[in-house]
Structure formats: C-alpha cells, structure tokens
C-alpha atoms as a PDB file:
ATOM      1  CA  UNK A   1     -42.173  73.046   3.416  1.00  0.00           C
ATOM      2  CA  UNK A   2     -45.657  73.904   4.626  1.00  0.00           C
ATOM      3  CA  UNK A   3     -46.189  76.801   7.089  1.00  0.00           C
ATOM      4  CA  UNK A   4     -46.989  76.040  10.707  1.00  0.00           C
ATOM      5  CA  UNK A   5     -50.688  75.926  11.472  1.00  0.00           C
ATOM      6  CA  UNK A   6     -49.998  76.190  15.264  1.00  0.00           C
ATOM      7  CA  UNK A   7     -46.975  77.940  16.920  1.00  0.00           C
ATOM      8  CA  UNK A   8     -46.717  77.427  20.720  1.00  0.00           C
ATOM      9  CA  UNK A   9     -44.329  79.688  22.526  1.00  0.00           C
ATOM     10  CA  UNK A  10     -43.206  79.252  26.172  1.00  0.00           C
ATOM     11  CA  UNK A  11     -46.528  77.958  27.224  1.00  0.00           C
ATOM     12  CA  UNK A  12     -46.997  77.614  30.891  1.00  0.00           C
ATOM     13  CA  UNK A  13     -49.953  75.960  32.639  1.00  0.00           C
ATOM     14  CA  UNK A  14     -50.029  75.886  36.422  1.00  0.00           C
ATOM     15  CA  UNK A  15     -52.515  74.304  38.992  1.00  0.00           C
ATOM     16  CA  UNK A  16     -52.963  76.321  42.177  1.00  0.00           C
ATOM     17  CA  UNK A  17     -53.650  73.775  44.857  1.00  0.00           C
ATOM     18  CA  UNK A  18     -53.488  73.521  48.738  1.00  0.00           C
ATOM     19  CA  UNK A  19     -50.365  71.557  48.385  1.00  0.00           C
ATOM     20  CA  UNK A  20     -48.689  74.235  46.254  1.00  0.00           C
ATOM     21  CA  UNK A  21     -48.423  75.435  42.575  1.00  0.00           C
ATOM     22  CA  UNK A  22     -48.214  72.346  40.224  1.00  0.00           C
ATOM     23  CA  UNK A  23     -46.210  73.442  37.211  1.00  0.00           C
ATOM     24  CA  UNK A  24     -47.857  70.983  34.841  1.00  0.00           C
ATOM     25  CA  UNK A  25     -46.456  72.709  31.742  1.00  0.00           C
ATOM     26  CA  UNK A  26     -43.526  74.855  32.282  1.00  0.00           C
ATOM     27  CA  UNK A  27     -42.287  76.764  29.317  1.00  0.00           C
ATOM     28  CA  UNK A  28     -42.969  74.425  26.238  1.00  0.00           C
ATOM     29  CA  UNK A  29     -42.505  75.703  22.651  1.00  0.00           C
ATOM     30  CA  UNK A  30     -43.144  73.872  19.479  1.00  0.00           C
ATOM     31  CA  UNK A  31     -44.709  74.195  15.981  1.00  0.00           C
ATOM     32  CA  UNK A  32     -47.331  72.015  14.120  1.00  0.00           C
ATOM     33  CA  UNK A  33     -47.106  72.152  10.300  1.00  0.00           C
ATOM     34  CA  UNK A  34     -50.043  72.087   8.030  1.00  0.00           C
ATOM     35  CA  UNK A  35     -50.941  68.629   6.893  1.00  0.00           C
ATOM     36  CA  UNK A  36     -48.634  66.634   9.214  1.00  0.00           C
ATOM     37  CA  UNK A  37     -49.336  64.303  11.981  1.00  0.00           C
ATOM     38  CA  UNK A  38     -47.580  65.615  15.157  1.00  0.00           C
ATOM     39  CA  UNK A  39     -47.282  63.457  18.295  1.00  0.00           C
ATOM     40  CA  UNK A  40     -46.664  64.515  21.915  1.00  0.00           C
ATOM     41  CA  UNK A  41     -45.354  61.498  23.899  1.00  0.00           C
ATOM     42  CA  UNK A  42     -44.303  60.889  27.491  1.00  0.00           C
ATOM     43  CA  UNK A  43     -45.173  59.121  30.714  1.00  0.00           C
ATOM     44  CA  UNK A  44     -48.548  59.548  32.353  1.00  0.00           C
ATOM     45  CA  UNK A  45     -48.616  62.853  34.134  1.00  0.00           C
ATOM     46  CA  UNK A  46     -45.931  64.549  31.921  1.00  0.00           C
ATOM     47  CA  UNK A  47     -48.342  67.367  30.738  1.00  0.00           C
ATOM     48  CA  UNK A  48     -49.455  65.974  27.269  1.00  0.00           C
ATOM     49  CA  UNK A  49     -53.189  66.377  27.855  1.00  0.00           C
ATOM     50  CA  UNK A  50     -52.899  69.660  29.548  1.00  0.00           C
ATOM     51  CA  UNK A  51     -50.868  71.069  26.638  1.00  0.00           C
ATOM     52  CA  UNK A  52     -53.398  69.923  24.105  1.00  0.00           C
ATOM     53  CA  UNK A  53     -56.223  71.466  26.057  1.00  0.00           C
ATOM     54  CA  UNK A  54     -54.354  74.678  26.604  1.00  0.00           C
ATOM     55  CA  UNK A  55     -54.290  75.294  22.760  1.00  0.00           C
ATOM     56  CA  UNK A  56     -57.976  76.345  23.106  1.00  0.00           C
ATOM     57  CA  UNK A  57     -57.967  77.445  26.787  1.00  0.00           C
ATOM     58  CA  UNK A  58     -59.781  74.322  27.949  1.00  0.00           C
ATOM     59  CA  UNK A  59     -58.198  74.430  31.403  1.00  0.00           C
ATOM     60  CA  UNK A  60     -60.601  74.241  34.383  1.00  0.00           C
ATOM     61  CA  UNK A  61     -59.830  75.623  37.784  1.00  0.00           C
ATOM     62  CA  UNK A  62     -57.702  75.269  39.761  1.00  0.00           C
ATOM     63  CA  UNK A  63     -55.691  75.319  36.571  1.00  0.00           C
ATOM     64  CA  UNK A  64     -54.607  78.441  34.897  1.00  0.00           C
ATOM     65  CA  UNK A  65     -52.520  79.402  31.790  1.00  0.00           C
ATOM     66  CA  UNK A  66     -49.762  81.333  33.416  1.00  0.00           C
ATOM     67  CA  UNK A  67     -47.871  82.604  30.353  1.00  0.00           C
ATOM     68  CA  UNK A  68     -46.938  82.073  26.697  1.00  0.00           C
ATOM     69  CA  UNK A  69     -48.576  82.305  23.260  1.00  0.00           C
ATOM     70  CA  UNK A  70     -50.588  79.860  21.146  1.00  0.00           C
ATOM     71  CA  UNK A  71     -50.585  81.340  17.543  1.00  0.00           C
ATOM     72  CA  UNK A  72     -53.186  79.725  15.161  1.00  0.00           C
ATOM     73  CA  UNK A  73     -53.201  80.325  11.420  1.00  0.00           C
ATOM     74  CA  UNK A  74     -56.723  81.155  10.355  1.00  0.00           C
ATOM     75  CA  UNK A  75     -58.323  80.583   7.031  1.00  0.00           C
ATOM     76  CA  UNK A  76     -57.032  83.933   5.778  1.00  0.00           C
ATOM     77  CA  UNK A  77     -53.311  83.052   6.619  1.00  0.00           C
ATOM     78  CA  UNK A  78     -53.200  85.440   9.695  1.00  0.00           C
ATOM     79  CA  UNK A  79     -51.933  84.180  12.949  1.00  0.00           C
ATOM     80  CA  UNK A  80     -54.081  84.946  15.986  1.00  0.00           C
ATOM     81  CA  UNK A  81     -53.073  84.317  19.598  1.00  0.00           C
ATOM     82  CA  UNK A  82     -55.666  81.825  21.058  1.00  0.00           C
ATOM     83  CA  UNK A  83     -54.839  82.841  24.496  1.00  0.00           C
ATOM     84  CA  UNK A  84     -56.070  86.468  23.956  1.00  0.00           C
ATOM     85  CA  UNK A  85     -59.452  85.517  22.536  1.00  0.00           C
ATOM     86  CA  UNK A  86     -62.707  85.928  24.584  1.00  0.00           C
ATOM     87  CA  UNK A  87     -64.743  82.838  25.498  1.00  0.00           C
ATOM     88  CA  UNK A  88     -67.394  83.377  22.878  1.00  0.00           C
ATOM     89  CA  UNK A  89     -64.813  83.597  20.039  1.00  0.00           C
ATOM     90  CA  UNK A  90     -63.244  80.489  21.507  1.00  0.00           C
ATOM     91  CA  UNK A  91     -66.533  78.506  21.559  1.00  0.00           C
ATOM     92  CA  UNK A  92     -66.851  79.252  17.892  1.00  0.00           C
ATOM     93  CA  UNK A  93     -63.247  78.080  17.233  1.00  0.00           C
ATOM     94  CA  UNK A  94     -63.586  74.936  19.117  1.00  0.00           C
ATOM     95  CA  UNK A  95     -65.115  72.248  17.010  1.00  0.00           C
ATOM     96  CA  UNK A  96     -65.131  74.258  13.886  1.00  0.00           C
ATOM     97  CA  UNK A  97     -61.469  75.120  13.419  1.00  0.00           C
ATOM     98  CA  UNK A  98     -59.962  72.991  16.160  1.00  0.00           C
ATOM     99  CA  UNK A  99     -61.739  69.707  17.147  1.00  0.00           C
ATOM    100  CA  UNK A 100     -60.937  67.197  19.853  1.00  0.00           C
ATOM    101  CA  UNK A 101     -61.227  63.417  20.180  1.00  0.00           C
ATOM    102  CA  UNK A 102     -60.896  62.731  23.960  1.00  0.00           C
ATOM    103  CA  UNK A 103     -59.548  59.420  25.370  1.00  0.00           C
ATOM    104  CA  UNK A 104     -62.634  57.941  26.756  1.00  0.00           C
ATOM    105  CA  UNK A 105     -65.444  57.871  24.182  1.00  0.00           C
ATOM    106  CA  UNK A 106     -68.005  56.769  26.708  1.00  0.00           C
ATOM    107  CA  UNK A 107     -67.369  59.916  28.837  1.00  0.00           C
ATOM    108  CA  UNK A 108     -67.523  62.087  25.747  1.00  0.00           C
ATOM    109  CA  UNK A 109     -71.072  60.951  24.931  1.00  0.00           C
ATOM    110  CA  UNK A 110     -74.158  61.925  26.997  1.00  0.00           C
ATOM    111  CA  UNK A 111     -75.989  58.685  27.890  1.00  0.00           C
ATOM    112  CA  UNK A 112     -79.359  60.501  27.739  1.00  0.00           C
ATOM    113  CA  UNK A 113     -79.188  61.387  24.004  1.00  0.00           C
ATOM    114  CA  UNK A 114     -79.000  59.449  20.887  1.00  0.00           C
ATOM    115  CA  UNK A 115     -75.887  59.481  18.634  1.00  0.00           C
ATOM    116  CA  UNK A 116     -77.797  61.421  16.037  1.00  0.00           C
ATOM    117  CA  UNK A 117     -78.627  64.187  18.642  1.00  0.00           C
ATOM    118  CA  UNK A 118     -74.922  64.581  19.451  1.00  0.00           C
ATOM    119  CA  UNK A 119     -74.259  65.337  15.800  1.00  0.00           C
ATOM    120  CA  UNK A 120     -77.204  67.763  15.410  1.00  0.00           C
ATOM    121  CA  UNK A 121     -76.141  69.652  18.645  1.00  0.00           C
ATOM    122  CA  UNK A 122     -72.518  70.083  17.427  1.00  0.00           C
ATOM    123  CA  UNK A 123     -73.345  71.188  13.969  1.00  0.00           C
ATOM    124  CA  UNK A 124     -76.283  73.430  14.986  1.00  0.00           C
ATOM    125  CA  UNK A 125     -73.956  75.283  17.435  1.00  0.00           C
ATOM    126  CA  UNK A 126     -71.704  76.263  14.616  1.00  0.00           C
ATOM    127  CA  UNK A 127     -74.289  76.970  11.983  1.00  0.00           C
ATOM    128  CA  UNK A 128     -73.424  73.879   9.771  1.00  0.00           C
ATOM    129  CA  UNK A 129     -77.068  72.747   9.437  1.00  0.00           C
ATOM    130  CA  UNK A 130     -80.364  74.500   8.938  1.00  0.00           C
ATOM    131  CA  UNK A 131     -82.590  71.817  10.366  1.00  0.00           C
ATOM    132  CA  UNK A 132     -82.655  68.634  12.453  1.00  0.00           C
ATOM    133  CA  UNK A 133     -83.611  66.606   9.415  1.00  0.00           C
ATOM    134  CA  UNK A 134     -80.468  67.874   7.562  1.00  0.00           C
ATOM    135  CA  UNK A 135     -78.383  67.068  10.748  1.00  0.00           C
ATOM    136  CA  UNK A 136     -79.599  63.517  10.736  1.00  0.00           C
ATOM    137  CA  UNK A 137     -78.790  63.085   6.970  1.00  0.00           C
ATOM    138  CA  UNK A 138     -75.404  64.611   7.563  1.00  0.00           C
ATOM    139  CA  UNK A 139     -74.802  62.427  10.688  1.00  0.00           C
ATOM    140  CA  UNK A 140     -75.517  59.265   8.636  1.00  0.00           C
ATOM    141  CA  UNK A 141     -73.059  60.390   5.946  1.00  0.00           C
ATOM    142  CA  UNK A 142     -70.365  61.008   8.597  1.00  0.00           C
ATOM    143  CA  UNK A 143     -70.967  57.667  10.351  1.00  0.00           C
ATOM    144  CA  UNK A 144     -70.765  55.986   7.037  1.00  0.00           C
ATOM    145  CA  UNK A 145     -67.448  57.875   6.513  1.00  0.00           C
ATOM    146  CA  UNK A 146     -66.064  56.487   9.700  1.00  0.00           C
ATOM    147  CA  UNK A 147     -66.903  53.019   8.653  1.00  0.00           C
ATOM    148  CA  UNK A 148     -69.739  52.558  11.259  1.00  0.00           C
ATOM    149  CA  UNK A 149     -71.812  49.494  10.470  1.00  0.00           C
ATOM    150  CA  UNK A 150     -75.535  50.206   9.717  1.00  0.00           C
ATOM    151  CA  UNK A 151     -75.271  54.018  10.158  1.00  0.00           C
ATOM    152  CA  UNK A 152     -79.074  54.454   9.630  1.00  0.00           C
ATOM    153  CA  UNK A 153     -79.704  52.412  12.578  1.00  0.00           C
ATOM    154  CA  UNK A 154     -76.724  53.639  14.845  1.00  0.00           C
ATOM    155  CA  UNK A 155     -77.742  57.291  14.469  1.00  0.00           C
ATOM    156  CA  UNK A 156     -80.939  56.293  16.497  1.00  0.00           C
ATOM    157  CA  UNK A 157     -78.921  54.330  19.108  1.00  0.00           C
ATOM    158  CA  UNK A 158     -77.916  55.586  22.535  1.00  0.00           C
ATOM    159  CA  UNK A 159     -74.332  55.315  23.698  1.00  0.00           C
ATOM    160  CA  UNK A 160     -74.925  52.237  25.773  1.00  0.00           C
ATOM    161  CA  UNK A 161     -76.152  50.377  22.695  1.00  0.00           C
ATOM    162  CA  UNK A 162     -72.760  50.757  20.999  1.00  0.00           C
ATOM    163  CA  UNK A 163     -69.414  48.835  21.548  1.00  0.00           C
ATOM    164  CA  UNK A 164     -66.249  50.695  22.521  1.00  0.00           C
ATOM    165  CA  UNK A 165     -65.047  50.886  18.950  1.00  0.00           C
ATOM    166  CA  UNK A 166     -68.384  52.027  17.650  1.00  0.00           C
ATOM    167  CA  UNK A 167     -68.423  54.843  20.322  1.00  0.00           C
ATOM    168  CA  UNK A 168     -64.880  55.918  19.189  1.00  0.00           C
ATOM    169  CA  UNK A 169     -66.029  56.013  15.606  1.00  0.00           C
ATOM    170  CA  UNK A 170     -69.099  58.169  16.555  1.00  0.00           C
ATOM    171  CA  UNK A 171     -66.816  60.531  18.535  1.00  0.00           C
ATOM    172  CA  UNK A 172     -64.484  60.797  15.518  1.00  0.00           C
ATOM    173  CA  UNK A 173     -67.465  61.498  13.250  1.00  0.00           C
ATOM    174  CA  UNK A 174     -68.809  64.157  15.647  1.00  0.00           C
ATOM    175  CA  UNK A 175     -65.260  65.847  15.741  1.00  0.00           C
ATOM    176  CA  UNK A 176     -65.259  65.964  11.895  1.00  0.00           C
ATOM    177  CA  UNK A 177     -68.841  67.243  11.566  1.00  0.00           C
ATOM    178  CA  UNK A 178     -67.866  71.008  11.258  1.00  0.00           C
ATOM    179  CA  UNK A 179     -64.815  70.366   8.975  1.00  0.00           C
ATOM    180  CA  UNK A 180     -62.114  71.395  11.308  1.00  0.00           C
ATOM    181  CA  UNK A 181     -58.575  72.005  10.091  1.00  0.00           C
ATOM    182  CA  UNK A 182     -56.801  70.794  13.103  1.00  0.00           C
ATOM    183  CA  UNK A 183     -57.906  67.525  14.888  1.00  0.00           C
ATOM    184  CA  UNK A 184     -56.486  66.761  18.393  1.00  0.00           C
ATOM    185  CA  UNK A 185     -56.681  63.042  19.235  1.00  0.00           C
ATOM    186  CA  UNK A 186     -55.968  62.514  22.953  1.00  0.00           C
ATOM    187  CA  UNK A 187     -54.948  58.868  23.345  1.00  0.00           C
ATOM    188  CA  UNK A 188     -57.839  57.757  21.031  1.00  0.00           C
ATOM    189  CA  UNK A 189     -57.116  54.022  21.428  1.00  0.00           C
ATOM    190  CA  UNK A 190     -56.294  53.785  25.108  1.00  0.00           C
ATOM    191  CA  UNK A 191     -59.798  52.191  25.982  1.00  0.00           C
ATOM    192  CA  UNK A 192     -59.985  49.890  23.115  1.00  0.00           C
ATOM    193  CA  UNK A 193     -58.859  46.255  22.365  1.00  0.00           C
ATOM    194  CA  UNK A 194     -55.864  45.708  20.348  1.00  0.00           C
ATOM    195  CA  UNK A 195     -57.539  44.836  17.126  1.00  0.00           C
ATOM    196  CA  UNK A 196     -59.915  47.746  17.379  1.00  0.00           C
ATOM    197  CA  UNK A 197     -56.978  50.051  18.155  1.00  0.00           C
ATOM    198  CA  UNK A 198     -55.531  49.132  14.771  1.00  0.00           C
ATOM    199  CA  UNK A 199     -58.736  49.852  12.970  1.00  0.00           C
ATOM    200  CA  UNK A 200     -59.144  53.270  14.620  1.00  0.00           C
ATOM    201  CA  UNK A 201     -55.614  54.289  13.843  1.00  0.00           C
ATOM    202  CA  UNK A 202     -56.096  53.227  10.203  1.00  0.00           C
ATOM    203  CA  UNK A 203     -59.393  55.186  10.040  1.00  0.00           C
ATOM    204  CA  UNK A 204     -57.705  58.273  11.345  1.00  0.00           C
ATOM    205  CA  UNK A 205     -54.865  57.969   8.895  1.00  0.00           C
ATOM    206  CA  UNK A 206     -57.389  57.677   6.008  1.00  0.00           C
ATOM    207  CA  UNK A 207     -59.566  60.467   7.160  1.00  0.00           C
ATOM    208  CA  UNK A 208     -56.421  62.824   7.516  1.00  0.00           C
ATOM    209  CA  UNK A 209     -55.343  62.049   3.910  1.00  0.00           C
ATOM    210  CA  UNK A 210     -58.951  62.374   2.500  1.00  0.00           C
ATOM    211  CA  UNK A 211     -59.684  65.632   4.184  1.00  0.00           C
ATOM    212  CA  UNK A 212     -56.354  67.192   4.196  1.00  0.00           C
ATOM    213  CA  UNK A 213     -56.353  67.454   8.001  1.00  0.00           C
ATOM    214  CA  UNK A 214     -53.562  68.330  10.385  1.00  0.00           C
ATOM    215  CA  UNK A 215     -53.545  65.817  13.195  1.00  0.00           C
ATOM    216  CA  UNK A 216     -52.046  66.193  16.708  1.00  0.00           C
ATOM    217  CA  UNK A 217     -51.864  62.999  18.569  1.00  0.00           C
ATOM    218  CA  UNK A 218     -51.369  62.678  22.343  1.00  0.00           C
ATOM    219  CA  UNK A 219     -50.009  59.194  23.293  1.00  0.00           C
ATOM    220  CA  UNK A 220     -47.650  57.297  25.700  1.00  0.00           C
ATOM    221  CA  UNK A 221     -47.405  54.408  23.207  1.00  0.00           C
ATOM    222  CA  UNK A 222     -44.243  54.447  21.150  1.00  0.00           C
ATOM    223  CA  UNK A 223     -45.793  51.892  18.803  1.00  0.00           C
ATOM    224  CA  UNK A 224     -48.519  54.377  17.940  1.00  0.00           C
ATOM    225  CA  UNK A 225     -45.754  57.133  17.372  1.00  0.00           C
ATOM    226  CA  UNK A 226     -43.919  54.891  15.037  1.00  0.00           C
ATOM    227  CA  UNK A 227     -46.911  54.017  13.035  1.00  0.00           C
ATOM    228  CA  UNK A 228     -48.697  57.298  12.772  1.00  0.00           C
ATOM    229  CA  UNK A 229     -46.479  60.278  13.208  1.00  0.00           C
ATOM    230  CA  UNK A 230     -44.416  62.514  11.000  1.00  0.00           C
ATOM    231  CA  UNK A 231     -42.779  64.453  13.800  1.00  0.00           C
ATOM    232  CA  UNK A 232     -42.720  63.847  17.588  1.00  0.00           C
ATOM    233  CA  UNK A 233     -42.227  65.849  20.775  1.00  0.00           C
ATOM    234  CA  UNK A 234     -40.978  64.050  23.865  1.00  0.00           C
ATOM    235  CA  UNK A 235     -42.403  65.727  27.063  1.00  0.00           C
ATOM    236  CA  UNK A 236     -41.034  65.061  30.517  1.00  0.00           C
ATOM    237  CA  UNK A 237     -42.490  66.439  33.754  1.00  0.00           C
ATOM    238  CA  UNK A 238     -43.792  69.595  32.002  1.00  0.00           C
ATOM    239  CA  UNK A 239     -40.534  70.216  30.012  1.00  0.00           C
ATOM    240  CA  UNK A 240     -39.886  69.519  26.376  1.00  0.00           C
ATOM    241  CA  UNK A 241     -36.927  67.035  26.169  1.00  0.00           C
ATOM    242  CA  UNK A 242     -36.635  66.449  22.480  1.00  0.00           C
ATOM    243  CA  UNK A 243     -38.357  67.105  19.134  1.00  0.00           C
ATOM    244  CA  UNK A 244     -37.705  65.838  15.691  1.00  0.00           C
ATOM    245  CA  UNK A 245     -38.800  63.699  12.792  1.00  0.00           C
ATOM    246  CA  UNK A 246     -40.015  60.321  13.903  1.00  0.00           C
ATOM    247  CA  UNK A 247     -37.406  58.361  12.047  1.00  0.00           C
ATOM    248  CA  UNK A 248     -34.548  60.279  13.666  1.00  0.00           C
ATOM    249  CA  UNK A 249     -36.104  60.073  17.111  1.00  0.00           C
ATOM    250  CA  UNK A 250     -36.212  56.231  16.725  1.00  0.00           C
ATOM    251  CA  UNK A 251     -32.845  55.913  14.921  1.00  0.00           C
ATOM    252  CA  UNK A 252     -30.836  58.376  16.819  1.00  0.00           C
ATOM    253  CA  UNK A 253     -32.511  59.431  20.147  1.00  0.00           C
ATOM    254  CA  UNK A 254     -30.583  62.135  21.712  1.00  0.00           C
ATOM    255  CA  UNK A 255     -32.044  62.870  25.154  1.00  0.00           C
ATOM    256  CA  UNK A 256     -31.304  60.265  27.875  1.00  0.00           C
ATOM    257  CA  UNK A 257     -35.068  60.238  28.643  1.00  0.00           C
ATOM    258  CA  UNK A 258     -35.987  59.366  24.990  1.00  0.00           C
ATOM    259  CA  UNK A 259     -33.242  56.746  24.944  1.00  0.00           C
ATOM    260  CA  UNK A 260     -34.811  55.197  28.269  1.00  0.00           C
ATOM    261  CA  UNK A 261     -38.423  55.346  26.835  1.00  0.00           C
ATOM    262  CA  UNK A 262     -37.362  53.324  23.796  1.00  0.00           C
ATOM    263  CA  UNK A 263     -35.355  50.714  25.934  1.00  0.00           C
ATOM    264  CA  UNK A 264     -38.491  50.350  27.978  1.00  0.00           C
ATOM    265  CA  UNK A 265     -40.728  49.036  25.062  1.00  0.00           C
ATOM    266  CA  UNK A 266     -40.397  45.912  22.910  1.00  0.00           C
ATOM    267  CA  UNK A 267     -38.136  46.263  19.896  1.00  0.00           C
ATOM    268  CA  UNK A 268     -38.711  43.617  17.203  1.00  0.00           C
ATOM    269  CA  UNK A 269     -35.496  44.529  15.393  1.00  0.00           C
ATOM    270  CA  UNK A 270     -33.147  43.293  18.303  1.00  0.00           C
ATOM    271  CA  UNK A 271     -33.161  40.490  20.809  1.00  0.00           C
ATOM    272  CA  UNK A 272     -34.251  41.542  24.249  1.00  0.00           C
ATOM    273  CA  UNK A 273     -34.048  39.177  27.267  1.00  0.00           C
ATOM    274  CA  UNK A 274     -36.121  41.751  29.305  1.00  0.00           C
ATOM    275  CA  UNK A 275     -37.403  45.277  29.180  1.00  0.00           C
ATOM    276  CA  UNK A 276     -35.375  47.960  30.890  1.00  0.00           C
ATOM    277  CA  UNK A 277     -37.464  50.028  33.333  1.00  0.00           C
ATOM    278  CA  UNK A 278     -36.543  53.738  33.819  1.00  0.00           C
ATOM    279  CA  UNK A 279     -35.021  53.906  37.397  1.00  0.00           C
ATOM    280  CA  UNK A 280     -36.531  56.324  39.926  1.00  0.00           C
ATOM    281  CA  UNK A 281     -39.907  58.083  39.945  1.00  0.00           C
ATOM    282  CA  UNK A 282     -41.557  60.947  38.188  1.00  0.00           C
ATOM    283  CA  UNK A 283     -40.933  64.221  40.130  1.00  0.00           C
ATOM    284  CA  UNK A 284     -43.652  65.964  42.175  1.00  0.00           C
ATOM    285  CA  UNK A 285     -44.451  69.055  40.082  1.00  0.00           C
ATOM    286  CA  UNK A 286     -45.435  71.029  43.023  1.00  0.00           C
ATOM    287  CA  UNK A 287     -41.728  70.888  44.081  1.00  0.00           C
ATOM    288  CA  UNK A 288     -39.786  69.811  41.016  1.00  0.00           C
ATOM    289  CA  UNK A 289     -36.039  69.354  41.051  1.00  0.00           C
ATOM    290  CA  UNK A 290     -33.993  72.382  39.914  1.00  0.00           C
ATOM    291  CA  UNK A 291     -32.107  72.379  36.538  1.00  0.00           C
ATOM    292  CA  UNK A 292     -33.059  69.554  34.269  1.00  0.00           C
ATOM    293  CA  UNK A 293     -36.053  67.741  35.715  1.00  0.00           C
ATOM    294  CA  UNK A 294     -34.787  64.419  34.542  1.00  0.00           C
ATOM    295  CA  UNK A 295     -31.424  64.642  36.380  1.00  0.00           C
ATOM    296  CA  UNK A 296     -32.346  62.538  39.359  1.00  0.00           C
ATOM    297  CA  UNK A 297     -33.014  59.589  36.995  1.00  0.00           C
ATOM    298  CA  UNK A 298     -30.458  60.331  34.431  1.00  0.00           C
ATOM    299  CA  UNK A 299     -27.198  58.084  34.301  1.00  0.00           C
ATOM    300  CA  UNK A 300     -25.260  60.923  32.606  1.00  0.00           C
ATOM    301  CA  UNK A 301     -26.188  63.732  35.038  1.00  0.00           C
ATOM    302  CA  UNK A 302     -23.556  66.335  35.615  1.00  0.00           C
ATOM    303  CA  UNK A 303     -23.363  69.168  38.270  1.00  0.00           C
ATOM    304  CA  UNK A 304     -24.770  71.759  35.757  1.00  0.00           C
ATOM    305  CA  UNK A 305     -27.728  69.469  35.112  1.00  0.00           C
ATOM    306  CA  UNK A 306     -28.734  69.944  38.873  1.00  0.00           C
ATOM    307  CA  UNK A 307     -28.387  73.758  38.742  1.00  0.00           C
ATOM    308  CA  UNK A 308     -29.471  75.053  35.273  1.00  0.00           C
ATOM    309  CA  UNK A 309     -32.303  74.189  32.884  1.00  0.00           C
ATOM    310  CA  UNK A 310     -30.750  73.274  29.455  1.00  0.00           C
ATOM    311  CA  UNK A 311     -31.950  75.300  26.471  1.00  0.00           C
ATOM    312  CA  UNK A 312     -33.450  73.642  23.495  1.00  0.00           C
ATOM    313  CA  UNK A 313     -30.549  73.407  20.757  1.00  0.00           C
ATOM    314  CA  UNK A 314     -30.643  72.105  17.150  1.00  0.00           C
ATOM    315  CA  UNK A 315     -28.141  69.153  17.068  1.00  0.00           C
ATOM    316  CA  UNK A 316     -29.096  68.249  13.388  1.00  0.00           C
ATOM    317  CA  UNK A 317     -31.488  69.574  10.941  1.00  0.00           C
ATOM    318  CA  UNK A 318     -35.051  69.748  12.573  1.00  0.00           C
ATOM    319  CA  UNK A 319     -33.908  67.608  15.352  1.00  0.00           C
ATOM    320  CA  UNK A 320     -33.684  69.528  18.721  1.00  0.00           C
ATOM    321  CA  UNK A 321     -32.870  68.541  22.212  1.00  0.00           C
ATOM    322  CA  UNK A 322     -32.836  70.077  25.658  1.00  0.00           C
ATOM    323  CA  UNK A 323     -29.841  68.424  27.323  1.00  0.00           C
ATOM    324  CA  UNK A 324     -26.383  69.647  28.612  1.00  0.00           C
ATOM    325  CA  UNK A 325     -24.629  66.758  26.925  1.00  0.00           C
ATOM    326  CA  UNK A 326     -24.952  68.455  23.638  1.00  0.00           C
ATOM    327  CA  UNK A 327     -24.330  72.140  24.722  1.00  0.00           C
ATOM    328  CA  UNK A 328     -20.810  72.213  23.312  1.00  0.00           C
ATOM    329  CA  UNK A 329     -22.107  71.264  19.820  1.00  0.00           C
END
C-alpha cells in the first residue's frame, strides 16, 4: 500500500469572535495516501473547507490553528510539519507542492486580468517560466489539456468572457501549472450546471490518472463521493465521525450520522417514497453539546454519548468510526 502523502494529527482550528470561541475543527485526524482520491464529506458548516485550508495555514483572522500537526511528505520522502513553516516557505509550497481549486471559479479569477496573465503570474512566482512568452505558450498547452475550446483565443480573454464551465477549466489549469503533487478541490462543481458538473468530474479523474496526482475533494454531494473517491471521511460539527473505503461507507455505514446522510439522498437501488431528512439542527459550534456532537439528533443516543466524546476505533480493516455503539467491539 502507498505511503501517506499527508498525515493530519489532532488538528484544531478555532475562530475567536465576539460571540465566543467557535470550534470549527476540533481534534480531527486522518491520512491521505499517495495517488488516491480522498473525500471529506458533510453538511454545510461542518468544517470541511476549514480543514482543507488549514493544511497550508490558509486561515484568516479571527481564525487560528489552535493545535495539531499536518505532516506533508516532500519530494525527498521526508515528512515536514506544515504548521511549523514560516510564511515565505509556505508561499513556495502553495501552488507548487499543494494546489487548490476553490468552489467559486469567478471569485478565484481577477476580472481585471486576462486568463493568460493568471497563468503567467502563478508560474512566475514559483520560477516555472523564464519569460511571459513562455508563460503564454505553457498556458495554451494547459488550457488544451483541460479541454478548453480554442485555447489560443481563451488565453487572451477576460474572466467575464467565459462561461462557468470554462472558468472552472481555467482554474484547474492554473492549479496544475506548477506540477503540484497534491490537488485540493473544494466543491469544484457547486456553481455549475449538472451536465457541466459531469464533464468537470471526468476531467479531474483523467488529469489525476495522467499526472499521477493525489486528489483531496471537499463535497457535500454523496453522488460525487460515490463516483470519484477511493476513501471518504465523514465530518460532523468539527468532529470526524467515520472514515473508510468508499464502498464500505456506502454498503455498511457505521455511524448514525453517515446512515442518516445516505437516507437523505436519492438511492437508485431501492424504492423510496420520500427522502428522510435528518431531524434537529446543526449545533452552534460556539457552544457545542458535550460528548458526541451528534447525540441531540441521534436515535441511538445513550447517556454516555451526552457526557464523553467517543474515540475513533477500527471496526473492520481500514474502516474506523467514532461512536459509543461500537465501543465494546
């Protein structure tokens, strides 16, 4: 089995606000293996995007990384703690070793500059090109690689002249321009039409195989998880609920939250008269419930669930869950 390219240990990200300390990510641990597609899934506000940004310390005030480690395997095979690096070193790592595709492609592109300029700026900052002419030539190659129609024309266009799907292709091309080893896609299809979503997902799959990338996907769409991922981590209210291979998560979900998530989406393999919503509300992370944060919404909640946070335990090979229902096993 490949070695992990990222090891996250007890990661904590808190936001210090006038309403109190918001524990957005509170003690999350997982590994991402080289060459795999790893998904983090959960409801809006569960801490998915904050977790992905924390990997390279992209946390703006009032947020702060309050604890933990993020170990990244560099090209020499040595693990370095990203949270101990200075800002200058992190700037070199972002885009070159770890690249991001953010969820809104329009917001990721500066409307005052052409698509080609975005490529040039990204590659020039990391020393990938020696001249603007080389940058334009490389940009055209990358746009052609991401299946952009008429790349020689699009490289001269401004963002407002492109459709949503074209903007997303451009953003993916920019992310790949410095040959990163880990690509983080934060809900890359959330602003796109359904037909374009399928094209973008297929594009990401092809690029991953062609370039030998490791892909981290952030999503709330279980359909995307089923189609794209090798392993999946289920996040709830800043806590990790369950982690395992995608087929086991779908065929044998262990955590009550994972089970509720799957019941709340259409399933073509069984007849459903109506979808089952998850009862209750997502907790306020400025004053989260004690113990398991899902216990106020859980039909199987016990007294211990209200008092103590369950530890992550391995129920079957590579399939772990944080739930008191499995503690005796």
